[in-house]
Amino acid sequence: MKNYSDVIGIDVSKLTLDAHIHNRVVHRVFSNTPKGYKALLSWTETYLKEQVYFFCFENTGHYSTNLSVYLSENDLDYVEESPLAINRSSGVVRGKTDKLDSAMIARYAWLYKEELVLSSPKEQDIQELGRLLSFRDQLVRDRTGKMSSLKEMQTLLSSPSTDDCCNIIKKTIHYLTKQIIALENHIKNLMSKDESLQKNYELLNTLKGVGLVLSCQLLYHTSNFKRFDSWRQFSSYCGVAPFEHSSGTSIHRKNRIHHIGDRKMKTLLTLASVSAIQCDQELKQYYNKKVSEGKPKMVAINNVRNKILSRAFAVVKRGTPYVVLQKFVA
């Protein structure tokens, strides 16, 4: 990074931005709106005119997206960091307020400024894809809840009121299903408008066990395979990469995956692995081999998860669909 003279730490919430200039030790609150962003830049220039500085804030999903886009449009340097990384580096902290959090973020950015990498917002189509996937997840959760309620209702003794409730829930489930299908079609139409997205989507769908949802999540989390250099990096991001655990001569434990990772991606990869084992002879043989070697089934499943990720990155990098080896064709 550049030779920065100061840093502005920002604690982002739904409605406000708490900004703290590290070396000047000044703090101010702004609204999380375009008007607030403009006031933030004006306030910053008041203290740091003709100085080289950058902004640092936590990645808080939709709350921080507009800020990152605004800073990028104004050619301002910023770092959008993981909240966990900032919290782990803060040491013992007594009390919690937005003002203290902004100062802690500024301190973190100043201490690690040589190691931090400047951020940039996701492309508009990728952002839109993420919003659609998030809304689809919400609809699926709602439908699952209604299906559970229906199952409970059907265990009760039959009565006019119970039957009416069941019919209402069935209609709700049917309506949610239609909305999910419509949203999935919207997602497909979005990708069809971008040649690169559509091509990579089609390549990913040539893999056994990989469908619409996992393909789209891979495209979103990897920013259309531009964010990570290799599948191993993305495996670590998802939380499915095994790590060594040893110390000295007495502690030598088995390699284990770390609990830190993207739970959604981990779940989707697990479902894809279970499906792939059923319909992909190569992965089925690979899974059975790991189990026969004495590995627990979940460890074997994790190996399959990494196989799927390596295949996904391979087909996109080559630009050619996945082809099943001849010896595995029935």
Protein backbone atom coordinates (compact mmCIF):
# COMPACT_ATOMS: atom_id res chain seq x y z
CA MET A 1 0.00 0.00 0.00
CA LYS A 2 0.94 3.68 -0.25
CA ASN A 3 2.76 5.59 2.45
CA TYR A 4 -0.38 6.77 4.23
CA SER A 5 -0.22 9.49 6.86
CA ASP A 6 -3.57 8.71 8.52
CA VAL A 7 -6.60 6.44 8.47
CA ILE A 8 -10.31 6.94 9.09
CA GLY A 9 -12.04 4.10 10.89
CA ILE A 10 -15.78 3.82 10.29
CA ASP A 11 -18.29 1.79 12.28
CA VAL A 12 -21.17 1.10 9.87
CA SER A 13 -24.70 0.52 11.12
CA LYS A 14 -28.07 0.52 9.39
CA LEU A 15 -28.71 4.26 9.84
CA THR A 16 -25.42 5.87 10.85
CA LEU A 17 -21.65 5.97 10.27
CA ASP A 18 -19.35 6.61 13.24
CA ALA A 19 -16.06 7.98 11.86
CA HIS A 20 -12.79 8.30 13.77
CA ILE A 21 -9.56 9.83 12.44
CA HIS A 22 -6.79 7.87 14.11
CA ASN A 23 -3.90 10.34 14.49
CA ARG A 24 -6.11 13.40 15.03
CA VAL A 25 -8.28 11.52 17.59
CA VAL A 26 -11.50 13.16 16.41
CA HIS A 27 -14.91 11.51 16.05
CA ARG A 28 -18.17 12.38 14.33
CA VAL A 29 -21.43 10.66 13.36
CA PHE A 30 -22.92 10.79 9.85
CA SER A 31 -26.04 9.33 8.30
CA ASN A 32 -25.67 6.18 6.21
CA THR A 33 -26.98 7.97 3.10
CA PRO A 34 -25.40 9.68 0.05
CA LYS A 35 -25.82 13.00 1.87
CA GLY A 36 -23.97 11.57 4.86
CA TYR A 37 -21.17 10.24 2.64
CA LYS A 38 -20.68 13.70 1.15
CA ALA A 39 -20.54 15.24 4.64
CA LEU A 40 -18.02 12.56 5.68
CA LEU A 41 -15.65 13.50 2.85
CA SER A 42 -16.00 17.21 3.61
CA TRP A 43 -15.25 16.60 7.30
CA THR A 44 -12.24 14.42 6.42
CA GLU A 45 -10.80 17.07 4.10
CA THR A 46 -11.09 19.61 6.92
CA TYR A 47 -8.56 17.67 9.01
CA LEU A 48 -6.53 15.81 6.37
CA LYS A 49 -6.31 18.25 3.48
CA GLU A 50 -3.41 17.43 1.10
CA GLN A 51 -2.58 14.29 3.12
CA VAL A 52 -2.64 10.69 1.95
CA TYR A 53 -5.19 8.62 3.86
CA PHE A 54 -7.58 5.72 3.48
CA PHE A 55 -10.84 4.55 5.01
CA CYS A 56 -11.38 1.26 6.83
CA PHE A 57 -14.68 -0.31 7.85
CA GLU A 58 -16.17 -3.72 8.51
CA ASN A 59 -17.95 -5.73 5.86
CA THR A 60 -21.53 -5.57 7.13
CA GLY A 61 -23.27 -6.79 3.98
CA HIS A 62 -25.94 -4.49 2.58
CA TYR A 63 -25.24 -1.77 5.18
CA SER A 64 -21.69 -1.16 3.91
CA THR A 65 -22.26 -1.78 0.18
CA ASN A 66 -23.46 1.73 -0.67
CA LEU A 67 -20.53 3.29 1.20
CA SER A 68 -18.00 1.14 -0.67
CA VAL A 69 -19.58 2.04 -4.03
CA TYR A 70 -19.56 5.75 -3.17
CA LEU A 71 -15.89 5.74 -2.14
CA SER A 72 -14.95 3.81 -5.27
CA GLU A 73 -16.83 6.26 -7.52
CA ASN A 74 -14.87 9.12 -5.91
CA ASP A 75 -11.51 7.32 -6.38
CA LEU A 76 -10.87 7.09 -2.64
CA ASP A 77 -8.83 4.28 -1.10
CA TYR A 78 -10.64 2.04 1.36
CA VAL A 79 -10.36 -1.36 3.00
CA GLU A 80 -13.47 -3.42 3.75
CA GLU A 81 -12.26 -5.87 6.38
CA SER A 82 -13.73 -8.92 8.09
CA PRO A 83 -15.31 -8.04 11.48
CA LEU A 84 -13.73 -11.17 12.96
CA ALA A 85 -10.21 -10.10 11.97
CA ILE A 86 -10.70 -6.71 13.64
CA ASN A 87 -12.22 -8.16 16.81
CA ARG A 88 -9.48 -10.80 17.18
CA SER A 89 -6.77 -8.14 16.95
CA SER A 90 -8.30 -5.71 19.44
CA GLY A 91 -7.18 -7.51 22.61
CA VAL A 92 -9.09 -6.93 25.83
CA VAL A 93 -11.82 -4.33 25.31
CA ARG A 94 -14.02 -3.04 28.11
CA GLY A 95 -17.35 -1.69 27.04
CA LYS A 96 -18.86 -1.40 23.58
CA THR A 97 -20.19 1.66 21.79
CA ASP A 98 -20.17 2.74 18.16
CA LYS A 99 -17.66 5.44 19.05
CA LEU A 100 -15.27 2.91 20.63
CA ASP A 101 -15.74 0.54 17.68
CA SER A 102 -14.79 3.24 15.15
CA ALA A 103 -11.63 4.01 17.13
CA MET A 104 -10.80 0.30 17.32
CA ILE A 105 -11.23 -0.08 13.54
CA ALA A 106 -8.99 2.95 12.92
CA ARG A 107 -6.33 1.54 15.25
CA TYR A 108 -6.47 -1.86 13.51
CA ALA A 109 -6.09 -0.27 10.07
CA TRP A 110 -3.15 1.87 11.22
CA LEU A 111 -1.29 -1.03 12.81
CA TYR A 112 -1.78 -3.38 9.84
CA LYS A 113 -1.69 -0.82 7.01
CA GLU A 114 1.37 -2.50 5.43
CA GLU A 115 -0.44 -5.83 5.20
CA LEU A 116 -3.93 -4.69 4.20
CA VAL A 117 -5.08 -4.86 0.59
CA LEU A 118 -7.28 -2.12 -0.84
CA SER A 119 -10.84 -3.21 -1.59
CA SER A 120 -13.11 -2.58 -4.54
CA PRO A 121 -16.89 -3.06 -4.83
CA LYS A 122 -18.35 -6.07 -6.60
CA GLU A 123 -19.62 -5.52 -10.11
CA GLN A 124 -23.25 -4.44 -10.33
CA ASP A 125 -24.45 -7.76 -11.76
CA ILE A 126 -22.66 -9.66 -8.97
CA GLN A 127 -24.27 -7.41 -6.34
CA GLU A 128 -27.68 -7.96 -7.89
CA LEU A 129 -27.07 -11.71 -7.98
CA GLY A 130 -26.23 -11.66 -4.27
CA ARG A 131 -29.43 -9.79 -3.40
CA LEU A 132 -31.56 -12.22 -5.41
CA LEU A 133 -29.89 -15.24 -3.80
CA SER A 134 -30.39 -13.74 -0.34
CA PHE A 135 -34.09 -13.16 -1.01
CA ARG A 136 -34.48 -16.69 -2.39
CA ASP A 137 -32.97 -18.09 0.81
CA GLN A 138 -35.51 -16.10 2.80
CA LEU A 139 -38.41 -17.48 0.75
CA VAL A 140 -37.10 -21.04 1.11
CA ARG A 141 -36.86 -20.61 4.89
CA ASP A 142 -40.42 -19.28 4.99
CA ARG A 143 -41.66 -22.23 2.95
CA THR A 144 -39.81 -24.70 5.17
CA GLY A 145 -41.43 -23.14 8.23
CA LYS A 146 -44.88 -23.44 6.69
CA MET A 147 -44.24 -27.07 5.75
CA SER A 148 -43.30 -27.81 9.36
CA SER A 149 -46.47 -26.07 10.57
CA LEU A 150 -48.54 -28.13 8.13
CA LYS A 151 -46.98 -31.35 9.35
CA GLU A 152 -47.81 -30.46 12.95
CA MET A 153 -51.38 -29.51 12.03
CA GLN A 154 -51.95 -32.80 10.26
CA THR A 155 -51.06 -34.73 13.43
CA LEU A 156 -53.97 -33.10 15.30
CA LEU A 157 -57.43 -34.60 15.41
CA SER A 158 -59.43 -33.69 12.32
CA SER A 159 -61.86 -30.81 12.82
CA PRO A 160 -63.34 -28.06 10.64
CA SER A 161 -60.93 -25.43 12.04
CA THR A 162 -57.90 -27.69 11.66
CA ASP A 163 -58.83 -28.56 8.08
CA ASP A 164 -59.27 -24.87 7.25
CA CYS A 165 -55.86 -24.06 8.71
CA CYS A 166 -54.24 -26.87 6.70
CA ASN A 167 -55.82 -25.59 3.48
CA ILE A 168 -54.56 -22.06 4.16
CA ILE A 169 -51.04 -23.31 4.84
CA LYS A 170 -51.10 -25.45 1.66
CA LYS A 171 -52.08 -22.40 -0.40
CA THR A 172 -49.27 -20.40 1.22
CA ILE A 173 -46.74 -23.13 0.44
CA HIS A 174 -47.96 -23.27 -3.16
CA TYR A 175 -47.68 -19.49 -3.49
CA LEU A 176 -44.16 -19.42 -2.01
CA THR A 177 -43.09 -22.22 -4.39
CA LYS A 178 -44.32 -20.19 -7.37
CA GLN A 179 -42.41 -17.14 -6.12
CA ILE A 180 -39.22 -19.17 -5.67
CA ILE A 181 -39.50 -20.51 -9.23
CA ALA A 182 -40.12 -16.98 -10.55
CA LEU A 183 -37.09 -15.68 -8.63
CA GLU A 184 -34.91 -18.47 -10.03
CA ASN A 185 -36.01 -17.51 -13.55
CA HIS A 186 -35.11 -13.91 -12.73
CA ILE A 187 -31.64 -15.09 -11.67
CA LYS A 188 -31.20 -16.99 -14.94
CA ASN A 189 -32.26 -13.93 -16.94
CA LEU A 190 -29.79 -11.78 -15.03
CA MET A 191 -26.90 -14.09 -15.87
CA SER A 192 -27.94 -14.39 -19.51
CA LYS A 193 -27.33 -10.64 -19.92
CA ASP A 194 -23.64 -11.03 -19.02
CA GLU A 195 -21.66 -13.23 -21.41
CA SER A 196 -18.95 -14.11 -18.88
CA LEU A 197 -21.44 -14.96 -16.11
CA GLN A 198 -23.54 -17.08 -18.43
CA LYS A 199 -20.52 -18.96 -19.79
CA ASN A 200 -19.15 -19.77 -16.32
CA TYR A 201 -22.63 -20.74 -15.12
CA GLU A 202 -22.98 -23.24 -17.97
CA LEU A 203 -19.51 -24.63 -17.29
CA LEU A 204 -20.28 -25.15 -13.59
CA ASN A 205 -23.50 -26.96 -14.42
CA THR A 206 -21.56 -29.64 -16.29
CA LEU A 207 -20.33 -30.88 -12.89
CA LYS A 208 -22.27 -33.64 -11.17
CA GLY A 209 -24.01 -32.42 -8.02
CA VAL A 210 -23.73 -28.74 -8.98
CA GLY A 211 -27.04 -27.05 -9.76
CA LEU A 212 -28.49 -23.56 -10.01
CA VAL A 213 -28.07 -22.49 -6.38
CA LEU A 214 -24.51 -23.73 -5.85
CA SER A 215 -23.40 -22.40 -9.25
CA CYS A 216 -24.77 -18.95 -8.48
CA GLN A 217 -23.31 -18.93 -4.98
CA LEU A 218 -19.90 -19.85 -6.40
CA LEU A 219 -20.16 -17.03 -8.93
CA TYR A 220 -21.22 -14.55 -6.25
CA HIS A 221 -18.65 -15.42 -3.56
CA THR A 222 -15.76 -15.59 -6.04
CA SER A 223 -16.91 -12.45 -7.93
CA ASN A 224 -17.18 -14.54 -11.08
CA PHE A 225 -13.90 -16.32 -10.21
CA LYS A 226 -11.86 -13.11 -9.97
CA ARG A 227 -11.57 -12.86 -6.18
CA PHE A 228 -9.54 -16.02 -5.46
CA ASP A 229 -6.41 -17.23 -7.25
CA SER A 230 -6.96 -20.93 -6.59
CA TRP A 231 -9.56 -23.38 -5.36
CA ARG A 232 -7.46 -23.98 -2.24
CA GLN A 233 -7.87 -20.34 -1.20
CA PHE A 234 -11.61 -20.58 -1.73
CA SER A 235 -11.72 -23.87 0.16
CA SER A 236 -10.18 -22.11 3.14
CA TYR A 237 -12.71 -19.30 2.79
CA CYS A 238 -15.58 -21.80 2.84
CA GLY A 239 -14.15 -23.61 5.86
CA VAL A 240 -13.59 -27.00 4.22
CA ALA A 241 -9.78 -26.91 3.96
CA PRO A 242 -8.03 -29.17 6.51
CA PHE A 243 -5.25 -27.63 8.61
CA GLU A 244 -2.39 -29.23 10.53
CA HIS A 245 -2.48 -29.13 14.34
CA SER A 246 0.86 -29.87 15.99
CA SER A 247 3.23 -28.41 18.57
CA GLY A 248 6.67 -29.62 19.59
CA THR A 249 7.12 -33.38 19.85
CA SER A 250 4.07 -34.26 21.94
CA ILE A 251 1.09 -32.70 20.15
CA HIS A 252 0.33 -34.22 16.75
CA ARG A 253 -3.39 -34.28 16.06
CA LYS A 254 -5.22 -35.19 12.90
CA ASN A 255 -5.73 -32.46 10.30
CA ARG A 256 -9.04 -30.74 10.86
CA ILE A 257 -11.11 -28.09 9.13
CA HIS A 258 -11.40 -24.77 10.96
CA HIS A 259 -14.74 -23.68 12.39
CA ILE A 260 -14.34 -20.25 10.77
CA GLY A 261 -15.83 -20.25 7.29
CA ASP A 262 -18.89 -19.46 5.23
CA ARG A 263 -21.58 -21.75 6.67
CA LYS A 264 -23.89 -21.33 3.70
CA MET A 265 -21.23 -22.44 1.24
CA LYS A 266 -20.20 -25.32 3.50
CA THR A 267 -23.79 -26.57 3.66
CA LEU A 268 -24.30 -26.28 -0.10
CA LEU A 269 -21.04 -28.13 -0.78
CA THR A 270 -22.10 -30.90 1.61
CA LEU A 271 -25.44 -31.33 -0.19
CA ALA A 272 -23.66 -31.27 -3.55
CA SER A 273 -21.18 -33.92 -2.35
CA VAL A 274 -23.93 -36.27 -1.16
CA SER A 275 -25.71 -35.86 -4.50
CA ALA A 276 -22.51 -36.28 -6.54
CA ILE A 277 -21.63 -39.53 -4.76
CA GLN A 278 -24.93 -40.97 -5.96
CA CYS A 279 -24.61 -39.99 -9.62
CA ASP A 280 -20.87 -39.63 -10.31
CA GLN A 281 -19.05 -42.96 -10.49
CA GLU A 282 -15.63 -41.36 -10.13
CA LEU A 283 -16.57 -39.49 -6.95
CA LYS A 284 -18.43 -42.52 -5.63
CA GLN A 285 -15.34 -44.66 -6.05
CA TYR A 286 -13.19 -41.90 -4.51
CA TYR A 287 -15.54 -41.66 -1.50
CA ASN A 288 -15.64 -45.43 -0.98
CA LYS A 289 -11.85 -45.58 -1.19
CA LYS A 290 -11.48 -42.99 1.58
CA VAL A 291 -13.98 -44.84 3.78
CA SER A 292 -12.22 -48.17 3.16
CA GLU A 293 -8.97 -46.54 4.30
CA GLY A 294 -10.58 -46.05 7.70
CA LYS A 295 -11.48 -42.39 7.39
CA PRO A 296 -14.74 -41.25 9.03
CA LYS A 297 -17.58 -40.65 6.58
CA MET A 298 -17.64 -36.89 7.19
CA VAL A 299 -13.91 -36.70 6.43
CA ALA A 300 -14.55 -38.56 3.18
CA ILE A 301 -17.43 -36.17 2.42
CA ASN A 302 -15.08 -33.25 3.02
CA ASN A 303 -12.62 -34.74 0.53
CA VAL A 304 -15.43 -34.85 -2.02
CA ARG A 305 -16.31 -31.22 -1.24
CA ASN A 306 -12.77 -30.20 -2.10
CA LYS A 307 -12.88 -32.33 -5.26
CA ILE A 308 -15.95 -30.43 -6.41
CA LEU A 309 -14.26 -27.08 -5.74
CA SER A 310 -11.13 -28.11 -7.63
CA ARG A 311 -13.27 -29.20 -10.58
CA ALA A 312 -15.24 -25.94 -10.51
CA PHE A 313 -12.10 -23.82 -10.68
CA ALA A 314 -10.60 -26.12 -13.32
CA VAL A 315 -13.51 -25.92 -15.79
CA VAL A 316 -13.70 -22.12 -15.45
CA LYS A 317 -9.94 -21.70 -15.85
CA ARG A 318 -9.84 -23.96 -18.91
CA GLY A 319 -13.07 -22.59 -20.33
CA THR A 320 -14.22 -26.09 -21.27
CA PRO A 321 -17.00 -28.26 -19.76
CA TYR A 322 -16.23 -31.16 -17.46
CA VAL A 323 -15.94 -34.49 -19.27
CA VAL A 324 -16.34 -37.82 -17.49
CA LEU A 325 -13.39 -40.15 -18.02
CA GLN A 326 -14.15 -43.07 -20.33
CA LYS A 327 -13.40 -45.73 -17.70
CA PHE A 328 -16.14 -44.31 -15.46
CA VAL A 329 -18.78 -44.30 -18.20
CA ALA A 330 -21.22 -47.17 -17.68
